[in-house]
Amino acid sequence: VGIKDHNRHLNPQSAMALLSTLNSQYTAALSKRPLSTKAATLVVLALLNEQLASVFAGESPFTTRVPLMGLFAGVINAPLSHYGYMLIQKLVPAPLNKRKRVLQILLSTGVITPIFCACFVVWVGLINNVKQLKTCKSGQELVTRMRSVITSALVNNYVRVSTTSVLTSPLFMLAAQKWIRQDAWAVFFALCYFVLGTYNNTKVKLMQKKKREECNDKYEDKKE
């Protein structure tokens, strides 16, 4: 009897009703507290991104990068996307015709995306060099080394990261214009980049893992 009762609670109608209730609650929170709701959503997605990529790459999902990427999502990404897309919607308000749609795409691709990519690349560069930065013995040395890390990160990774984002951003914007309510754009883009970011993050981790293995093999060969 207990099993039958349990299965009865898990029928498709109950599941759809639960999803509908959760969606209504989330939509209400998005309307009342847009920035904090988006920040919480982006933090969760960022944590999942880093952990899933680590699992897919065969690494431990519990690293110092996980909370740091969550911090980036909540403190930098959420305000940037919230106010950035809000500004675009004010500059090019609805109703949207073909000209306005193109203008929104150009603003998103030419302004929001490049700024986000620069912030992301710099943040990841700093995270990857935390150990080196901790060894600095003075404030001046710390500033000099941080400047070097930031410059190196932008030179080596900005074009690669921004190219992928610039190519996909117009497609995401077209979908948002057609199907997504405006106050949910930041969340929609976060979901899109969550999928894309998890894929790219996994690729990077696999490449780094392969390089480490090659270095270890060379080291073992030299020892022999």
N, C-alpha and C. Protein backbone atom coordinates (compact mmCIF):
# COMPACT_ATOMS: atom_id res chain seq x y z
N VAL A 1 0.83 -1.20 0.00
CA VAL A 1 0.00 0.00 0.00
C VAL A 1 0.86 1.25 0.00
N GLY A 2 1.95 1.18 0.82
CA GLY A 2 2.85 2.33 0.89
C GLY A 2 3.48 2.64 -0.45
N ILE A 3 3.86 1.58 -1.20
CA ILE A 3 4.48 1.78 -2.51
C ILE A 3 3.49 2.40 -3.48
N LYS A 4 2.23 1.91 -3.44
CA LYS A 4 1.21 2.46 -4.33
C LYS A 4 0.97 3.93 -4.03
N ASP A 5 0.88 4.27 -2.73
CA ASP A 5 0.68 5.67 -2.36
C ASP A 5 1.82 6.53 -2.83
N HIS A 6 3.06 6.01 -2.70
CA HIS A 6 4.24 6.77 -3.11
C HIS A 6 4.21 7.02 -4.61
N ASN A 7 3.88 5.98 -5.39
CA ASN A 7 3.84 6.13 -6.84
C ASN A 7 2.74 7.09 -7.27
N ARG A 8 1.63 7.08 -6.50
CA ARG A 8 0.52 7.95 -6.85
C ARG A 8 0.93 9.42 -6.74
N HIS A 9 1.79 9.73 -5.80
CA HIS A 9 2.25 11.11 -5.61
C HIS A 9 3.25 11.52 -6.69
N LEU A 10 3.81 10.57 -7.40
CA LEU A 10 4.81 10.87 -8.42
C LEU A 10 4.26 10.81 -9.83
N ASN A 11 2.92 10.86 -10.00
CA ASN A 11 2.35 10.80 -11.35
C ASN A 11 2.64 12.08 -12.11
N PRO A 12 2.57 12.05 -13.44
CA PRO A 12 2.91 13.23 -14.27
C PRO A 12 2.11 14.47 -13.92
N GLN A 13 0.81 14.29 -13.57
CA GLN A 13 0.00 15.46 -13.24
C GLN A 13 0.52 16.17 -11.99
N SER A 14 0.92 15.38 -10.99
CA SER A 14 1.47 15.97 -9.77
C SER A 14 2.79 16.68 -10.04
N ALA A 15 3.61 16.06 -10.88
CA ALA A 15 4.90 16.65 -11.22
C ALA A 15 4.71 17.97 -11.96
N MET A 16 3.77 18.02 -12.91
CA MET A 16 3.51 19.25 -13.65
C MET A 16 2.95 20.33 -12.74
N ALA A 17 2.10 19.92 -11.81
CA ALA A 17 1.53 20.89 -10.86
C ALA A 17 2.62 21.48 -9.98
N LEU A 18 3.55 20.62 -9.54
CA LEU A 18 4.66 21.09 -8.71
C LEU A 18 5.55 22.06 -9.49
N LEU A 19 5.86 21.71 -10.75
CA LEU A 19 6.68 22.58 -11.59
C LEU A 19 5.99 23.92 -11.83
N SER A 20 4.68 23.86 -12.04
CA SER A 20 3.91 25.10 -12.26
C SER A 20 3.95 25.99 -11.02
N THR A 21 3.82 25.37 -9.84
CA THR A 21 3.87 26.12 -8.58
C THR A 21 5.24 26.76 -8.37
N LEU A 22 6.30 25.97 -8.60
CA LEU A 22 7.67 26.47 -8.46
C LEU A 22 7.93 27.61 -9.44
N ASN A 23 7.43 27.46 -10.67
CA ASN A 23 7.63 28.50 -11.68
C ASN A 23 6.92 29.79 -11.27
N SER A 24 5.71 29.65 -10.72
CA SER A 24 4.96 30.83 -10.26
C SER A 24 5.69 31.54 -9.12
N GLN A 25 6.22 30.75 -8.19
CA GLN A 25 6.95 31.32 -7.06
C GLN A 25 8.22 32.01 -7.53
N TYR A 26 8.92 31.38 -8.47
CA TYR A 26 10.16 31.97 -8.99
C TYR A 26 9.86 33.26 -9.75
N THR A 27 8.79 33.24 -10.55
CA THR A 27 8.41 34.43 -11.31
C THR A 27 8.03 35.58 -10.38
N ALA A 28 7.33 35.25 -9.30
CA ALA A 28 6.96 36.27 -8.32
C ALA A 28 8.20 36.86 -7.66
N ALA A 29 9.15 35.99 -7.30
CA ALA A 29 10.41 36.47 -6.68
C ALA A 29 11.19 37.32 -7.67
N LEU A 30 11.15 36.94 -8.95
CA LEU A 30 11.86 37.69 -9.98
C LEU A 30 11.28 39.10 -10.14
N SER A 31 9.97 39.22 -9.95
CA SER A 31 9.31 40.52 -10.07
C SER A 31 9.56 41.39 -8.83
N LYS A 32 9.53 40.77 -7.64
CA LYS A 32 9.69 41.53 -6.39
C LYS A 32 11.15 41.85 -6.09
N ARG A 33 12.04 40.88 -6.29
CA ARG A 33 13.46 41.06 -5.97
C ARG A 33 14.30 40.61 -7.17
N PRO A 34 14.28 41.38 -8.25
CA PRO A 34 14.92 40.93 -9.50
C PRO A 34 16.42 40.68 -9.38
N LEU A 35 17.15 41.61 -8.78
CA LEU A 35 18.60 41.47 -8.74
C LEU A 35 19.03 40.31 -7.84
N SER A 36 18.46 40.23 -6.64
CA SER A 36 18.86 39.16 -5.72
C SER A 36 18.44 37.79 -6.24
N THR A 37 17.28 37.71 -6.89
CA THR A 37 16.82 36.43 -7.47
C THR A 37 17.74 36.00 -8.60
N LYS A 38 18.11 36.94 -9.45
CA LYS A 38 19.03 36.62 -10.55
C LYS A 38 20.40 36.24 -10.00
N ALA A 39 20.85 36.95 -8.97
CA ALA A 39 22.16 36.65 -8.37
C ALA A 39 22.17 35.23 -7.81
N ALA A 40 21.12 34.87 -7.09
CA ALA A 40 21.04 33.52 -6.52
C ALA A 40 21.03 32.46 -7.62
N THR A 41 20.28 32.74 -8.69
CA THR A 41 20.21 31.80 -9.81
C THR A 41 21.57 31.63 -10.47
N LEU A 42 22.24 32.74 -10.71
CA LEU A 42 23.55 32.69 -11.38
C LEU A 42 24.60 32.01 -10.51
N VAL A 43 24.51 32.21 -9.20
CA VAL A 43 25.46 31.54 -8.29
C VAL A 43 25.28 30.02 -8.37
N VAL A 44 24.04 29.57 -8.31
CA VAL A 44 23.77 28.13 -8.39
C VAL A 44 24.29 27.55 -9.70
N LEU A 45 24.02 28.25 -10.81
CA LEU A 45 24.47 27.77 -12.12
C LEU A 45 26.00 27.76 -12.22
N ALA A 46 26.64 28.77 -11.65
CA ALA A 46 28.11 28.82 -11.69
C ALA A 46 28.72 27.68 -10.89
N LEU A 47 28.14 27.39 -9.72
CA LEU A 47 28.64 26.28 -8.90
C LEU A 47 28.46 24.94 -9.63
N LEU A 48 27.30 24.78 -10.27
CA LEU A 48 27.05 23.56 -11.03
C LEU A 48 27.99 23.45 -12.22
N ASN A 49 28.22 24.57 -12.88
CA ASN A 49 29.14 24.60 -14.03
C ASN A 49 30.50 24.04 -13.66
N GLU A 50 31.08 24.59 -12.61
CA GLU A 50 32.43 24.19 -12.20
C GLU A 50 32.46 22.74 -11.73
N GLN A 51 31.46 22.32 -10.97
CA GLN A 51 31.44 20.96 -10.46
C GLN A 51 31.19 19.93 -11.57
N LEU A 52 30.26 20.21 -12.47
CA LEU A 52 29.99 19.29 -13.56
C LEU A 52 31.19 19.15 -14.49
N ALA A 53 31.83 20.29 -14.80
CA ALA A 53 33.00 20.25 -15.66
C ALA A 53 34.11 19.42 -15.02
N SER A 54 34.28 19.55 -13.72
CA SER A 54 35.30 18.77 -13.01
C SER A 54 34.98 17.27 -13.06
N VAL A 55 33.70 16.94 -12.87
CA VAL A 55 33.29 15.53 -12.93
C VAL A 55 33.49 14.96 -14.33
N PHE A 56 33.09 15.71 -15.35
CA PHE A 56 33.23 15.25 -16.74
C PHE A 56 34.70 15.08 -17.12
N ALA A 57 35.57 15.89 -16.50
CA ALA A 57 37.00 15.81 -16.80
C ALA A 57 37.72 14.79 -15.92
N GLY A 58 36.97 14.12 -15.05
CA GLY A 58 37.57 13.11 -14.18
C GLY A 58 38.34 13.68 -13.02
N GLU A 59 37.97 14.88 -12.57
CA GLU A 59 38.64 15.53 -11.45
C GLU A 59 37.69 15.62 -10.26
N SER A 60 38.23 16.03 -9.12
CA SER A 60 37.40 16.22 -7.93
C SER A 60 36.50 17.45 -8.12
N PRO A 61 35.21 17.31 -7.84
CA PRO A 61 34.30 18.45 -8.01
C PRO A 61 34.39 19.47 -6.87
N PHE A 62 35.15 19.15 -5.84
CA PHE A 62 35.25 20.04 -4.67
C PHE A 62 36.63 20.70 -4.65
N THR A 63 36.74 21.86 -5.27
CA THR A 63 37.99 22.60 -5.32
C THR A 63 37.75 24.04 -4.88
N THR A 64 38.82 24.79 -4.68
CA THR A 64 38.69 26.20 -4.27
C THR A 64 38.07 27.05 -5.38
N ARG A 65 38.12 26.57 -6.64
CA ARG A 65 37.53 27.32 -7.74
C ARG A 65 36.01 27.41 -7.62
N VAL A 66 35.40 26.41 -7.01
CA VAL A 66 33.94 26.36 -6.97
C VAL A 66 33.34 27.58 -6.26
N PRO A 67 33.68 27.86 -5.00
CA PRO A 67 33.10 29.05 -4.35
C PRO A 67 33.55 30.35 -5.00
N LEU A 68 34.76 30.38 -5.56
CA LEU A 68 35.24 31.61 -6.20
C LEU A 68 34.46 31.91 -7.47
N MET A 69 34.10 30.88 -8.23
CA MET A 69 33.28 31.11 -9.42
C MET A 69 31.86 31.50 -9.02
N GLY A 70 31.37 30.96 -7.90
CA GLY A 70 30.08 31.39 -7.39
C GLY A 70 30.09 32.85 -6.98
N LEU A 71 31.20 33.28 -6.38
CA LEU A 71 31.36 34.68 -5.98
C LEU A 71 31.34 35.59 -7.20
N PHE A 72 32.02 35.18 -8.26
CA PHE A 72 32.02 35.97 -9.50
C PHE A 72 30.60 36.11 -10.05
N ALA A 73 29.85 35.01 -10.04
CA ALA A 73 28.49 35.04 -10.58
C ALA A 73 27.60 35.99 -9.79
N GLY A 74 27.72 35.96 -8.47
CA GLY A 74 26.85 36.77 -7.64
C GLY A 74 27.22 38.24 -7.58
N VAL A 75 28.53 38.51 -7.53
CA VAL A 75 29.00 39.89 -7.30
C VAL A 75 29.24 40.66 -8.60
N ILE A 76 29.65 39.97 -9.66
CA ILE A 76 30.00 40.65 -10.91
C ILE A 76 29.01 40.35 -12.02
N ASN A 77 28.79 39.07 -12.29
CA ASN A 77 27.96 38.69 -13.42
C ASN A 77 26.50 39.12 -13.25
N ALA A 78 25.94 38.89 -12.08
CA ALA A 78 24.52 39.21 -11.85
C ALA A 78 24.23 40.72 -12.03
N PRO A 79 24.97 41.62 -11.36
CA PRO A 79 24.69 43.05 -11.58
C PRO A 79 24.95 43.49 -13.03
N LEU A 80 26.02 42.94 -13.63
CA LEU A 80 26.35 43.32 -15.01
C LEU A 80 25.23 42.94 -15.97
N SER A 81 24.75 41.71 -15.87
CA SER A 81 23.70 41.26 -16.79
C SER A 81 22.36 41.93 -16.46
N HIS A 82 22.07 42.11 -15.17
CA HIS A 82 20.79 42.72 -14.77
C HIS A 82 20.69 44.15 -15.27
N TYR A 83 21.68 44.97 -14.94
CA TYR A 83 21.62 46.37 -15.34
C TYR A 83 21.95 46.56 -16.82
N GLY A 84 22.79 45.68 -17.36
CA GLY A 84 23.14 45.78 -18.78
C GLY A 84 21.94 45.56 -19.67
N TYR A 85 21.20 44.47 -19.45
CA TYR A 85 20.03 44.20 -20.29
C TYR A 85 18.89 45.15 -19.98
N MET A 86 18.82 45.63 -18.75
CA MET A 86 17.82 46.64 -18.41
C MET A 86 18.07 47.93 -19.20
N LEU A 87 19.35 48.29 -19.34
CA LEU A 87 19.71 49.48 -20.10
C LEU A 87 19.37 49.32 -21.58
N ILE A 88 19.67 48.12 -22.11
CA ILE A 88 19.34 47.86 -23.51
C ILE A 88 17.84 47.98 -23.74
N GLN A 89 17.04 47.44 -22.82
CA GLN A 89 15.58 47.49 -22.96
C GLN A 89 15.05 48.92 -22.85
N LYS A 90 15.75 49.76 -22.08
CA LYS A 90 15.33 51.16 -21.98
C LYS A 90 15.74 51.95 -23.22
N LEU A 91 16.94 51.67 -23.73
CA LEU A 91 17.41 52.37 -24.93
C LEU A 91 16.62 51.96 -26.17
N VAL A 92 16.25 50.69 -26.21
CA VAL A 92 15.48 50.17 -27.36
C VAL A 92 14.24 49.47 -26.80
N PRO A 93 13.21 50.24 -26.45
CA PRO A 93 12.05 49.66 -25.76
C PRO A 93 11.11 48.89 -26.70
N ALA A 94 10.28 48.06 -26.10
CA ALA A 94 9.23 47.35 -26.83
C ALA A 94 8.12 48.35 -27.19
N PRO A 95 7.30 48.05 -28.22
CA PRO A 95 7.29 46.85 -29.05
C PRO A 95 8.47 46.83 -30.04
N LEU A 96 8.93 45.62 -30.34
CA LEU A 96 10.12 45.48 -31.18
C LEU A 96 9.74 45.23 -32.64
N ASN A 97 10.34 46.05 -33.50
CA ASN A 97 10.27 45.76 -34.93
C ASN A 97 11.63 45.22 -35.37
N LYS A 98 11.82 45.00 -36.65
CA LYS A 98 13.08 44.42 -37.13
C LYS A 98 14.27 45.31 -36.79
N ARG A 99 14.10 46.62 -36.96
CA ARG A 99 15.20 47.55 -36.68
C ARG A 99 15.59 47.52 -35.20
N LYS A 100 14.59 47.53 -34.31
CA LYS A 100 14.87 47.51 -32.88
C LYS A 100 15.51 46.18 -32.45
N ARG A 101 15.07 45.08 -33.06
CA ARG A 101 15.66 43.78 -32.73
C ARG A 101 17.14 43.76 -33.08
N VAL A 102 17.46 44.30 -34.24
CA VAL A 102 18.86 44.35 -34.68
C VAL A 102 19.68 45.23 -33.75
N LEU A 103 19.11 46.38 -33.34
CA LEU A 103 19.80 47.29 -32.43
C LEU A 103 20.09 46.61 -31.08
N GLN A 104 19.12 45.88 -30.57
CA GLN A 104 19.32 45.17 -29.31
C GLN A 104 20.42 44.11 -29.44
N ILE A 105 20.42 43.41 -30.55
CA ILE A 105 21.46 42.39 -30.78
C ILE A 105 22.83 43.04 -30.86
N LEU A 106 22.92 44.16 -31.56
CA LEU A 106 24.20 44.86 -31.69
C LEU A 106 24.70 45.37 -30.34
N LEU A 107 23.80 45.91 -29.53
CA LEU A 107 24.19 46.41 -28.21
C LEU A 107 24.63 45.27 -27.30
N SER A 108 23.89 44.17 -27.34
CA SER A 108 24.25 43.02 -26.51
C SER A 108 25.58 42.43 -26.93
N THR A 109 25.73 42.23 -28.24
CA THR A 109 26.95 41.59 -28.76
C THR A 109 28.15 42.52 -28.70
N GLY A 110 27.91 43.81 -28.91
CA GLY A 110 29.03 44.75 -28.99
C GLY A 110 29.41 45.40 -27.67
N VAL A 111 28.54 45.34 -26.67
CA VAL A 111 28.82 46.01 -25.39
C VAL A 111 28.81 45.02 -24.21
N ILE A 112 27.66 44.39 -23.98
CA ILE A 112 27.52 43.51 -22.81
C ILE A 112 28.46 42.32 -22.88
N THR A 113 28.46 41.64 -24.03
CA THR A 113 29.27 40.43 -24.17
C THR A 113 30.77 40.69 -24.01
N PRO A 114 31.34 41.70 -24.69
CA PRO A 114 32.77 41.96 -24.50
C PRO A 114 33.15 42.32 -23.07
N ILE A 115 32.31 43.10 -22.38
CA ILE A 115 32.60 43.46 -20.99
C ILE A 115 32.57 42.23 -20.10
N PHE A 116 31.54 41.39 -20.29
CA PHE A 116 31.45 40.16 -19.50
C PHE A 116 32.66 39.26 -19.74
N CYS A 117 33.05 39.10 -21.00
CA CYS A 117 34.18 38.23 -21.33
C CYS A 117 35.47 38.73 -20.69
N ALA A 118 35.67 40.05 -20.70
CA ALA A 118 36.87 40.62 -20.09
C ALA A 118 36.88 40.36 -18.58
N CYS A 119 35.75 40.58 -17.93
CA CYS A 119 35.65 40.32 -16.48
C CYS A 119 35.90 38.85 -16.17
N PHE A 120 35.30 37.97 -16.98
CA PHE A 120 35.43 36.53 -16.75
C PHE A 120 36.88 36.07 -16.92
N VAL A 121 37.51 36.51 -17.99
CA VAL A 121 38.90 36.11 -18.26
C VAL A 121 39.84 36.60 -17.16
N VAL A 122 39.65 37.83 -16.73
CA VAL A 122 40.50 38.39 -15.66
C VAL A 122 40.29 37.61 -14.36
N TRP A 123 39.04 37.33 -14.02
CA TRP A 123 38.73 36.61 -12.78
C TRP A 123 39.37 35.22 -12.77
N VAL A 124 39.19 34.49 -13.88
CA VAL A 124 39.76 33.14 -13.97
C VAL A 124 41.28 33.20 -13.90
N GLY A 125 41.87 34.22 -14.56
CA GLY A 125 43.32 34.38 -14.50
C GLY A 125 43.81 34.60 -13.08
N LEU A 126 43.09 35.42 -12.33
CA LEU A 126 43.47 35.67 -10.93
C LEU A 126 43.31 34.40 -10.08
N ILE A 127 42.23 33.66 -10.31
CA ILE A 127 42.00 32.41 -9.56
C ILE A 127 43.13 31.42 -9.83
N ASN A 128 43.52 31.31 -11.09
CA ASN A 128 44.56 30.35 -11.45
C ASN A 128 45.94 30.72 -10.91
N ASN A 129 46.08 31.96 -10.47
CA ASN A 129 47.38 32.42 -9.97
C ASN A 129 47.32 32.85 -8.50
N VAL A 130 46.33 32.34 -7.78
CA VAL A 130 46.17 32.72 -6.37
C VAL A 130 47.42 32.37 -5.56
N LYS A 131 47.97 31.18 -5.80
CA LYS A 131 49.15 30.74 -5.04
C LYS A 131 50.32 31.69 -5.25
N GLN A 132 50.54 32.13 -6.48
CA GLN A 132 51.62 33.06 -6.77
C GLN A 132 51.37 34.41 -6.11
N LEU A 133 50.12 34.86 -6.15
CA LEU A 133 49.80 36.16 -5.55
C LEU A 133 49.97 36.15 -4.04
N LYS A 134 49.75 35.00 -3.42
CA LYS A 134 49.89 34.90 -1.97
C LYS A 134 51.34 35.04 -1.51
N THR A 135 52.28 34.80 -2.41
CA THR A 135 53.70 34.88 -2.05
C THR A 135 54.24 36.30 -2.07
N CYS A 136 53.44 37.26 -2.54
CA CYS A 136 53.89 38.65 -2.61
C CYS A 136 54.15 39.19 -1.20
N LYS A 137 55.26 39.89 -1.04
CA LYS A 137 55.67 40.36 0.27
C LYS A 137 55.31 41.82 0.54
N SER A 138 54.81 42.51 -0.46
CA SER A 138 54.42 43.91 -0.27
C SER A 138 53.23 44.23 -1.17
N GLY A 139 52.56 45.32 -0.83
CA GLY A 139 51.43 45.74 -1.62
C GLY A 139 51.80 46.10 -3.05
N GLN A 140 52.97 46.74 -3.19
CA GLN A 140 53.43 47.13 -4.52
C GLN A 140 53.72 45.90 -5.38
N GLU A 141 54.34 44.90 -4.77
CA GLU A 141 54.62 43.66 -5.51
C GLU A 141 53.32 42.96 -5.92
N LEU A 142 52.33 43.00 -5.02
CA LEU A 142 51.04 42.38 -5.32
C LEU A 142 50.36 43.07 -6.50
N VAL A 143 50.38 44.41 -6.49
CA VAL A 143 49.76 45.17 -7.59
C VAL A 143 50.47 44.87 -8.90
N THR A 144 51.81 44.85 -8.86
CA THR A 144 52.59 44.59 -10.07
C THR A 144 52.30 43.20 -10.63
N ARG A 145 52.25 42.22 -9.74
CA ARG A 145 51.99 40.84 -10.19
C ARG A 145 50.56 40.68 -10.68
N MET A 146 49.60 41.32 -10.02
CA MET A 146 48.21 41.25 -10.47
C MET A 146 48.06 41.88 -11.85
N ARG A 147 48.76 42.99 -12.06
CA ARG A 147 48.72 43.64 -13.37
C ARG A 147 49.28 42.71 -14.45
N SER A 148 50.34 42.02 -14.09
CA SER A 148 50.95 41.08 -15.04
C SER A 148 50.01 39.91 -15.35
N VAL A 149 49.36 39.39 -14.30
CA VAL A 149 48.42 38.27 -14.47
C VAL A 149 47.24 38.69 -15.33
N ILE A 150 46.70 39.87 -15.06
CA ILE A 150 45.53 40.37 -15.81
C ILE A 150 45.88 40.57 -17.28
N THR A 151 47.04 41.20 -17.52
CA THR A 151 47.47 41.43 -18.90
C THR A 151 47.66 40.11 -19.65
N SER A 152 48.33 39.17 -18.99
CA SER A 152 48.57 37.86 -19.60
C SER A 152 47.26 37.13 -19.90
N ALA A 153 46.33 37.19 -18.97
CA ALA A 153 45.03 36.52 -19.15
C ALA A 153 44.27 37.10 -20.34
N LEU A 154 44.26 38.43 -20.43
CA LEU A 154 43.54 39.08 -21.53
C LEU A 154 44.20 38.78 -22.88
N VAL A 155 45.53 38.84 -22.91
CA VAL A 155 46.26 38.61 -24.17
C VAL A 155 46.07 37.17 -24.65
N ASN A 156 46.14 36.23 -23.73
CA ASN A 156 46.13 34.81 -24.11
C ASN A 156 44.73 34.21 -24.28
N ASN A 157 43.74 34.76 -23.57
CA ASN A 157 42.44 34.08 -23.54
C ASN A 157 41.25 34.91 -23.99
N TYR A 158 41.40 36.24 -24.04
CA TYR A 158 40.23 37.08 -24.31
C TYR A 158 39.63 36.81 -25.69
N VAL A 159 40.47 36.74 -26.71
CA VAL A 159 39.96 36.55 -28.07
C VAL A 159 39.23 35.22 -28.20
N ARG A 160 39.80 34.18 -27.62
CA ARG A 160 39.18 32.84 -27.71
C ARG A 160 37.82 32.82 -27.03
N VAL A 161 37.76 33.37 -25.82
CA VAL A 161 36.51 33.37 -25.07
C VAL A 161 35.47 34.28 -25.72
N SER A 162 35.88 35.47 -26.11
CA SER A 162 34.93 36.43 -26.68
C SER A 162 34.43 36.00 -28.05
N THR A 163 35.26 35.30 -28.82
CA THR A 163 34.83 34.85 -30.15
C THR A 163 33.65 33.90 -30.03
N THR A 164 33.75 32.93 -29.12
CA THR A 164 32.66 31.98 -28.91
C THR A 164 31.40 32.71 -28.45
N SER A 165 31.56 33.65 -27.54
CA SER A 165 30.40 34.37 -26.99
C SER A 165 29.76 35.28 -28.03
N VAL A 166 30.60 35.96 -28.83
CA VAL A 166 30.07 36.87 -29.84
C VAL A 166 29.30 36.10 -30.92
N LEU A 167 29.74 34.90 -31.23
CA LEU A 167 29.05 34.09 -32.24
C LEU A 167 27.71 33.56 -31.73
N THR A 168 27.65 33.25 -30.45
CA THR A 168 26.41 32.67 -29.89
C THR A 168 25.45 33.73 -29.35
N SER A 169 25.97 34.89 -28.96
CA SER A 169 25.12 35.93 -28.35
C SER A 169 23.95 36.36 -29.23
N PRO A 170 24.14 36.58 -30.55
CA PRO A 170 22.99 36.96 -31.38
C PRO A 170 21.89 35.90 -31.41
N LEU A 171 22.29 34.63 -31.41
CA LEU A 171 21.29 33.55 -31.41
C LEU A 171 20.50 33.54 -30.12
N PHE A 172 21.20 33.72 -28.99
CA PHE A 172 20.52 33.77 -27.70
C PHE A 172 19.58 34.98 -27.63
N MET A 173 20.03 36.11 -28.16
CA MET A 173 19.22 37.32 -28.13
C MET A 173 17.96 37.17 -28.99
N LEU A 174 18.09 36.54 -30.15
CA LEU A 174 16.92 36.31 -31.00
C LEU A 174 15.88 35.44 -30.28
N ALA A 175 16.37 34.41 -29.60
CA ALA A 175 15.47 33.54 -28.85
C ALA A 175 14.81 34.30 -27.70
N ALA A 176 15.58 35.13 -27.00
CA ALA A 176 15.03 35.91 -25.89
C ALA A 176 13.97 36.89 -26.38
N GLN A 177 14.24 37.56 -27.49
CA GLN A 177 13.29 38.52 -28.05
C GLN A 177 11.97 37.86 -28.42
N LYS A 178 12.03 36.62 -28.85
CA LYS A 178 10.84 35.94 -29.34
C LYS A 178 10.04 35.25 -28.25
N TRP A 179 10.73 34.64 -27.26
CA TRP A 179 10.03 33.75 -26.34
C TRP A 179 10.14 34.12 -24.86
N ILE A 180 11.09 34.99 -24.47
CA ILE A 180 11.34 35.21 -23.04
C ILE A 180 10.86 36.59 -22.60
N ARG A 181 10.18 36.65 -21.47
CA ARG A 181 9.77 37.94 -20.90
C ARG A 181 11.01 38.74 -20.53
N GLN A 182 10.94 40.05 -20.67
CA GLN A 182 12.13 40.89 -20.58
C GLN A 182 12.82 40.83 -19.21
N ASP A 183 12.06 40.75 -18.13
CA ASP A 183 12.70 40.73 -16.81
C ASP A 183 13.39 39.40 -16.52
N ALA A 184 13.23 38.42 -17.42
CA ALA A 184 13.88 37.12 -17.24
C ALA A 184 15.04 36.92 -18.21
N TRP A 185 15.41 37.96 -18.93
CA TRP A 185 16.49 37.82 -19.91
C TRP A 185 17.81 37.40 -19.25
N ALA A 186 18.14 38.03 -18.15
CA ALA A 186 19.42 37.73 -17.49
C ALA A 186 19.49 36.25 -17.09
N VAL A 187 18.37 35.72 -16.60
CA VAL A 187 18.32 34.31 -16.20
C VAL A 187 18.41 33.41 -17.43
N PHE A 188 17.71 33.79 -18.51
CA PHE A 188 17.75 33.01 -19.75
C PHE A 188 19.17 32.94 -20.31
N PHE A 189 19.84 34.09 -20.37
CA PHE A 189 21.21 34.10 -20.88
C PHE A 189 22.14 33.31 -19.96
N ALA A 190 21.86 33.36 -18.66
CA ALA A 190 22.68 32.58 -17.73
C ALA A 190 22.54 31.09 -17.99
N LEU A 191 21.32 30.64 -18.29
CA LEU A 191 21.10 29.23 -18.61
C LEU A 191 21.81 28.83 -19.90
N CYS A 192 21.73 29.71 -20.89
CA CYS A 192 22.40 29.44 -22.17
C CYS A 192 23.91 29.33 -21.98
N TYR A 193 24.48 30.30 -21.27
CA TYR A 193 25.93 30.29 -21.06
C TYR A 193 26.36 29.22 -20.06
N PHE A 194 25.42 28.76 -19.23
CA PHE A 194 25.72 27.64 -18.35
C PHE A 194 26.03 26.39 -19.17
N VAL A 195 25.19 26.11 -20.15
CA VAL A 195 25.41 24.95 -21.02
C VAL A 195 26.70 25.12 -21.82
N LEU A 196 26.84 26.29 -22.45
CA LEU A 196 28.03 26.56 -23.25
C LEU A 196 29.28 26.58 -22.38
N GLY A 197 29.17 27.20 -21.20
CA GLY A 197 30.32 27.32 -20.31
C GLY A 197 30.76 25.98 -19.74
N THR A 198 29.80 25.12 -19.43
CA THR A 198 30.15 23.79 -18.92
C THR A 198 30.91 23.00 -19.98
N TYR A 199 30.46 23.11 -21.23
CA TYR A 199 31.15 22.43 -22.34
C TYR A 199 32.57 22.96 -22.50
N ASN A 200 32.71 24.29 -22.55
CA ASN A 200 34.04 24.89 -22.72
C ASN A 200 34.95 24.61 -21.53
N ASN A 201 34.39 24.70 -20.33
CA ASN A 201 35.16 24.45 -19.11
C ASN A 201 35.67 23.02 -19.07
N THR A 202 34.83 22.08 -19.51
CA THR A 202 35.23 20.68 -19.56
C THR A 202 36.38 20.48 -20.54
N LYS A 203 36.28 21.13 -21.70
CA LYS A 203 37.34 21.04 -22.71
C LYS A 203 38.66 21.56 -22.16
N VAL A 204 38.61 22.70 -21.48
CA VAL A 204 39.82 23.30 -20.92
C VAL A 204 40.44 22.38 -19.87
N LYS A 205 39.60 21.83 -19.00
CA LYS A 205 40.10 20.94 -17.95
C LYS A 205 40.73 19.68 -18.54
N LEU A 206 40.12 19.14 -19.59
CA LEU A 206 40.67 17.95 -20.24
C LEU A 206 42.02 18.27 -20.88
N MET A 207 42.13 19.45 -21.49
CA MET A 207 43.40 19.86 -22.09
C MET A 207 44.48 20.04 -21.02
N GLN A 208 44.11 20.67 -19.91
CA GLN A 208 45.06 20.87 -18.82
C GLN A 208 45.49 19.53 -18.22
N LYS A 209 44.54 18.62 -18.10
CA LYS A 209 44.84 17.28 -17.57
C LYS A 209 45.80 16.55 -18.49
N LYS A 210 45.58 16.66 -19.78
CA LYS A 210 46.46 16.01 -20.75
C LYS A 210 47.87 16.57 -20.69
N LYS A 211 47.97 17.90 -20.54
CA LYS A 211 49.29 18.53 -20.44
C LYS A 211 50.02 18.09 -19.18
N ARG A 212 49.28 18.00 -18.06
CA ARG A 212 49.90 17.54 -16.81
C ARG A 212 50.40 16.10 -16.95
N GLU A 213 49.61 15.27 -17.60
CA GLU A 213 50.02 13.88 -17.79
C GLU A 213 51.26 13.78 -18.69
N GLU A 214 51.30 14.62 -19.72
CA GLU A 214 52.47 14.63 -20.61
C GLU A 214 53.72 15.09 -19.87
N CYS A 215 53.56 16.11 -19.03
CA CYS A 215 54.69 16.60 -18.24
C CYS A 215 55.18 15.53 -17.26
N ASN A 216 54.22 14.83 -16.63
CA ASN A 216 54.59 13.76 -15.69
C ASN A 216 55.32 12.63 -16.41
N ASP A 217 54.86 12.30 -17.62
CA ASP A 217 55.51 11.24 -18.40
C ASP A 217 56.94 11.63 -18.77
N LYS A 218 57.12 12.90 -19.16
CA LYS A 218 58.47 13.37 -19.50
C LYS A 218 59.37 13.34 -18.27
N TYR A 219 58.81 13.72 -17.12
CA TYR A 219 59.58 13.71 -15.88
C TYR A 219 60.00 12.29 -15.52
N GLU A 220 59.07 11.33 -15.67
CA GLU A 220 59.39 9.93 -15.35
C GLU A 220 60.43 9.38 -16.31
N ASP A 221 60.34 9.80 -17.58
CA ASP A 221 61.34 9.34 -18.56
C ASP A 221 62.73 9.85 -18.21
N LYS A 222 62.80 11.09 -17.75
CA LYS A 222 64.11 11.65 -17.37
C LYS A 222 64.68 10.95 -16.16
N LYS A 223 63.82 10.56 -15.22
CA LYS A 223 64.29 9.86 -14.03
C LYS A 223 64.87 8.50 -14.38
N GLU A 224 64.25 7.86 -15.37
CA GLU A 224 64.76 6.54 -15.78
C GLU A 224 66.07 6.66 -16.55
